[in-house]
Amino acid sequence: MQTIQQKRAAAALAAVREASSELSGDDRKKYKSYASQFPAMIRMNGLGPAAAFFRGKDELYKSLYDTLGSWLRSENGPYYGVDDLMDGITTRNQNEYRMAQVEAVVFMEWVKKLANAFMEEPVNSTVQGAGEAVTEDAS
């Protein structure tokens, strides 16, 4: 039987792998950056404002909003059964909102860590400064 932490990690990993397979180049770098921003934004502004911000931005932000929404609306989440994350945020009680906010931070930390670990960025065709390091005088 999986622990809740394992379920979070598995869901986050599946989302990161799916995004990685669909994205290329700069979009992977942006995805990693946006994923890094989300948990901090939830802590600083609250789940509702952070979710609304991500929902209203470009497709990469929206994909992270959808990832979080899928988790919070799953059978493991406090918004199980609602149609959209914002529906849960705006219709459920304060205790559920607080639980969702804590769960959102924990889950998005997994997404952030796994995006950094598994989402490869494109390799430059030239390495700047490599010749300088090789030609250093040893005397």
C-alpha atoms as a PDB file:
ATOM      1  CA  MET A   1       0.000   0.000   0.000  1.00  0.00           C
ATOM      2  CA  GLN A   2       1.358   3.418  -0.968  1.00  0.00           C
ATOM      3  CA  THR A   3       1.686   6.244   1.512  1.00  0.00           C
ATOM      4  CA  ILE A   4       0.132   9.622   0.684  1.00  0.00           C
ATOM      5  CA  GLN A   5       3.639  10.966   0.088  1.00  0.00           C
ATOM      6  CA  GLN A   6       4.281   8.223  -2.476  1.00  0.00           C
ATOM      7  CA  LYS A   7       0.968   8.984  -4.168  1.00  0.00           C
ATOM      8  CA  ARG A   8       1.881  12.680  -4.350  1.00  0.00           C
ATOM      9  CA  ALA A   9       5.281  11.880  -5.790  1.00  0.00           C
ATOM     10  CA  ALA A  10       3.850   9.450  -8.347  1.00  0.00           C
ATOM     11  CA  ALA A  11       1.219  11.950  -9.530  1.00  0.00           C
ATOM     12  CA  ALA A  12       3.806  14.737  -9.730  1.00  0.00           C
ATOM     13  CA  LEU A  13       6.242  12.536 -11.628  1.00  0.00           C
ATOM     14  CA  ALA A  14       3.566  11.480 -14.132  1.00  0.00           C
ATOM     15  CA  ALA A  15       2.657  15.141 -14.735  1.00  0.00           C
ATOM     16  CA  VAL A  16       6.297  16.183 -15.175  1.00  0.00           C
ATOM     17  CA  ARG A  17       7.027  13.310 -17.547  1.00  0.00           C
ATOM     18  CA  GLU A  18       3.949  14.120 -19.624  1.00  0.00           C
ATOM     19  CA  ALA A  19       4.880  17.799 -19.804  1.00  0.00           C
ATOM     20  CA  SER A  20       8.482  16.935 -20.655  1.00  0.00           C
ATOM     21  CA  SER A  21       7.380  14.742 -23.554  1.00  0.00           C
ATOM     22  CA  GLU A  22       5.190  17.532 -24.938  1.00  0.00           C
ATOM     23  CA  LEU A  23       7.597  20.452 -24.457  1.00  0.00           C
ATOM     24  CA  SER A  24      10.836  21.391 -26.123  1.00  0.00           C
ATOM     25  CA  GLY A  25      13.729  23.778 -25.597  1.00  0.00           C
ATOM     26  CA  ASP A  26      12.833  27.033 -23.891  1.00  0.00           C
ATOM     27  CA  ASP A  27       9.412  25.746 -22.842  1.00  0.00           C
ATOM     28  CA  ARG A  28      11.059  23.148 -20.576  1.00  0.00           C
ATOM     29  CA  LYS A  29      13.158  25.845 -18.964  1.00  0.00           C
ATOM     30  CA  LYS A  30      10.059  28.022 -18.471  1.00  0.00           C
ATOM     31  CA  TYR A  31       8.080  25.087 -17.058  1.00  0.00           C
ATOM     32  CA  LYS A  32      10.777  24.455 -14.466  1.00  0.00           C
ATOM     33  CA  SER A  33      10.852  28.136 -13.565  1.00  0.00           C
ATOM     34  CA  TYR A  34       7.077  28.384 -13.229  1.00  0.00           C
ATOM     35  CA  ALA A  35       6.963  25.170 -11.192  1.00  0.00           C
ATOM     36  CA  SER A  36       9.527  26.687  -8.834  1.00  0.00           C
ATOM     37  CA  GLN A  37       7.395  29.818  -8.403  1.00  0.00           C
ATOM     38  CA  PHE A  38       4.094  28.123  -7.630  1.00  0.00           C
ATOM     39  CA  PRO A  39       4.702  26.827  -4.055  1.00  0.00           C
ATOM     40  CA  ALA A  40       6.196  30.152  -2.942  1.00  0.00           C
ATOM     41  CA  MET A  41       3.336  32.073  -4.509  1.00  0.00           C
ATOM     42  CA  ILE A  42       0.822  29.906  -2.630  1.00  0.00           C
ATOM     43  CA  ARG A  43       2.663  30.557   0.647  1.00  0.00           C
ATOM     44  CA  MET A  44       2.870  34.313   0.081  1.00  0.00           C
ATOM     45  CA  ASN A  45      -0.538  35.038  -1.479  1.00  0.00           C
ATOM     46  CA  GLY A  46      -2.751  32.083  -0.613  1.00  0.00           C
ATOM     47  CA  LEU A  47      -4.066  29.260  -2.759  1.00  0.00           C
ATOM     48  CA  GLY A  48      -6.899  31.226  -4.380  1.00  0.00           C
ATOM     49  CA  PRO A  49      -4.868  34.174  -5.680  1.00  0.00           C
ATOM     50  CA  ALA A  50      -1.975  31.946  -6.781  1.00  0.00           C
ATOM     51  CA  ALA A  51      -4.300  29.551  -8.594  1.00  0.00           C
ATOM     52  CA  ALA A  52      -6.134  32.435 -10.289  1.00  0.00           C
ATOM     53  CA  PHE A  53      -2.806  33.901 -11.429  1.00  0.00           C
ATOM     54  CA  PHE A  54      -1.646  30.588 -12.939  1.00  0.00           C
ATOM     55  CA  ARG A  55      -5.091  29.945 -14.473  1.00  0.00           C
ATOM     56  CA  GLY A  56      -5.060  33.284 -16.275  1.00  0.00           C
ATOM     57  CA  LYS A  57      -1.585  33.112 -17.793  1.00  0.00           C
ATOM     58  CA  ASP A  58      -0.161  31.292 -20.816  1.00  0.00           C
ATOM     59  CA  GLU A  59      -0.442  27.561 -21.560  1.00  0.00           C
ATOM     60  CA  LEU A  60       2.581  26.574 -19.456  1.00  0.00           C
ATOM     61  CA  TYR A  61       1.214  28.299 -16.364  1.00  0.00           C
ATOM     62  CA  LYS A  62      -2.214  26.821 -17.101  1.00  0.00           C
ATOM     63  CA  SER A  63      -0.734  23.324 -17.352  1.00  0.00           C
ATOM     64  CA  LEU A  64       0.639  23.673 -13.815  1.00  0.00           C
ATOM     65  CA  TYR A  65      -2.745  24.949 -12.627  1.00  0.00           C
ATOM     66  CA  ASP A  66      -4.335  21.875 -14.234  1.00  0.00           C
ATOM     67  CA  THR A  67      -1.752  19.583 -12.630  1.00  0.00           C
ATOM     68  CA  LEU A  68      -2.477  20.990  -9.186  1.00  0.00           C
ATOM     69  CA  GLY A  69      -6.220  20.917  -9.825  1.00  0.00           C
ATOM     70  CA  SER A  70      -6.103  17.278 -10.871  1.00  0.00           C
ATOM     71  CA  TRP A  71      -4.358  16.350  -7.631  1.00  0.00           C
ATOM     72  CA  LEU A  72      -6.598  18.396  -5.325  1.00  0.00           C
ATOM     73  CA  ARG A  73      -9.718  17.062  -7.078  1.00  0.00           C
ATOM     74  CA  SER A  74      -8.561  13.433  -6.975  1.00  0.00           C
ATOM     75  CA  GLU A  75      -9.804  10.967  -4.374  1.00  0.00           C
ATOM     76  CA  ASN A  76      -6.710  11.892  -2.347  1.00  0.00           C
ATOM     77  CA  GLY A  77      -7.515  15.600  -2.367  1.00  0.00           C
ATOM     78  CA  PRO A  78      -9.700  17.928  -0.330  1.00  0.00           C
ATOM     79  CA  TYR A  79     -11.655  19.036  -3.421  1.00  0.00           C
ATOM     80  CA  TYR A  80     -12.627  15.558  -4.534  1.00  0.00           C
ATOM     81  CA  GLY A  81     -15.598  15.688  -6.853  1.00  0.00           C
ATOM     82  CA  VAL A  82     -15.528  19.341  -7.935  1.00  0.00           C
ATOM     83  CA  ASP A  83     -15.265  20.167 -11.642  1.00  0.00           C
ATOM     84  CA  ASP A  84     -12.492  22.762 -11.471  1.00  0.00           C
ATOM     85  CA  LEU A  85      -9.976  23.862  -8.849  1.00  0.00           C
ATOM     86  CA  MET A  86     -11.499  27.351  -8.655  1.00  0.00           C
ATOM     87  CA  ASP A  87     -14.898  25.779  -7.935  1.00  0.00           C
ATOM     88  CA  GLY A  88     -13.410  24.067  -4.894  1.00  0.00           C
ATOM     89  CA  ILE A  89     -11.645  27.214  -3.764  1.00  0.00           C
ATOM     90  CA  THR A  90     -14.784  29.343  -4.033  1.00  0.00           C
ATOM     91  CA  THR A  91     -17.468  26.937  -2.800  1.00  0.00           C
ATOM     92  CA  ARG A  92     -15.949  24.790  -0.067  1.00  0.00           C
ATOM     93  CA  ASN A  93     -15.619  25.772   3.600  1.00  0.00           C
ATOM     94  CA  GLN A  94     -12.644  27.410   5.294  1.00  0.00           C
ATOM     95  CA  ASN A  95     -11.281  24.174   6.793  1.00  0.00           C
ATOM     96  CA  GLU A  96     -11.235  22.498   3.371  1.00  0.00           C
ATOM     97  CA  TYR A  97      -9.565  25.584   1.896  1.00  0.00           C
ATOM     98  CA  ARG A  98      -6.803  25.449   4.527  1.00  0.00           C
ATOM     99  CA  MET A  99      -6.314  21.736   3.944  1.00  0.00           C
ATOM    100  CA  ALA A 100      -6.189  22.347   0.192  1.00  0.00           C
ATOM    101  CA  GLN A 101      -3.647  25.136   0.628  1.00  0.00           C
ATOM    102  CA  VAL A 102      -1.301  22.944   2.683  1.00  0.00           C
ATOM    103  CA  GLU A 103      -1.762  20.042   0.276  1.00  0.00           C
ATOM    104  CA  ALA A 104      -1.122  22.341  -2.698  1.00  0.00           C
ATOM    105  CA  VAL A 105       2.214  23.516  -1.307  1.00  0.00           C
ATOM    106  CA  VAL A 106       3.364  19.979  -0.509  1.00  0.00           C
ATOM    107  CA  PHE A 107       2.286  18.645  -3.907  1.00  0.00           C
ATOM    108  CA  MET A 108       3.777  21.525  -5.894  1.00  0.00           C
ATOM    109  CA  GLU A 109       7.076  21.099  -4.031  1.00  0.00           C
ATOM    110  CA  TRP A 110       7.129  17.584  -5.511  1.00  0.00           C
ATOM    111  CA  VAL A 111       6.392  18.956  -8.977  1.00  0.00           C
ATOM    112  CA  LYS A 112       9.156  21.538  -8.553  1.00  0.00           C
ATOM    113  CA  LYS A 113      11.740  18.980  -7.410  1.00  0.00           C
ATOM    114  CA  LEU A 114      10.834  16.427 -10.059  1.00  0.00           C
ATOM    115  CA  ALA A 115      10.789  19.008 -12.852  1.00  0.00           C
ATOM    116  CA  ASN A 116      14.318  19.998 -11.870  1.00  0.00           C
ATOM    117  CA  ALA A 117      15.397  16.365 -11.687  1.00  0.00           C
ATOM    118  CA  PHE A 118      13.747  14.924 -14.795  1.00  0.00           C
ATOM    119  CA  MET A 119      13.084  17.716 -17.255  1.00  0.00           C
ATOM    120  CA  GLU A 120      16.199  18.036 -19.338  1.00  0.00           C
ATOM    121  CA  GLU A 121      17.098  21.321 -20.948  1.00  0.00           C
ATOM    122  CA  PRO A 122      18.593  21.472 -24.439  1.00  0.00           C
ATOM    123  CA  VAL A 123      22.367  21.233 -24.633  1.00  0.00           C
ATOM    124  CA  ASN A 124      24.192  24.104 -26.343  1.00  0.00           C
ATOM    125  CA  SER A 125      26.141  23.114 -29.427  1.00  0.00           C
ATOM    126  CA  THR A 126      29.110  25.234 -28.325  1.00  0.00           C
ATOM    127  CA  VAL A 127      30.694  25.485 -24.919  1.00  0.00           C
ATOM    128  CA  GLN A 128      31.961  28.964 -24.175  1.00  0.00           C
ATOM    129  CA  GLY A 129      35.216  29.358 -22.339  1.00  0.00           C
ATOM    130  CA  ALA A 130      36.235  25.708 -22.571  1.00  0.00           C
ATOM    131  CA  GLY A 131      39.453  26.538 -24.407  1.00  0.00           C
ATOM    132  CA  GLU A 132      40.529  28.982 -21.715  1.00  0.00           C
ATOM    133  CA  ALA A 133      40.334  26.368 -18.977  1.00  0.00           C
ATOM    134  CA  VAL A 134      42.348  23.877 -21.033  1.00  0.00           C
ATOM    135  CA  THR A 135      45.128  26.313 -21.960  1.00  0.00           C
ATOM    136  CA  GLU A 136      45.830  27.467 -18.414  1.00  0.00           C
ATOM    137  CA  ASP A 137      49.549  27.590 -17.643  1.00  0.00           C
ATOM    138  CA  ALA A 138      50.618  25.039 -15.036  1.00  0.00           C
ATOM    139  CA  SER A 139      53.876  26.786 -14.041  1.00  0.00           C
END
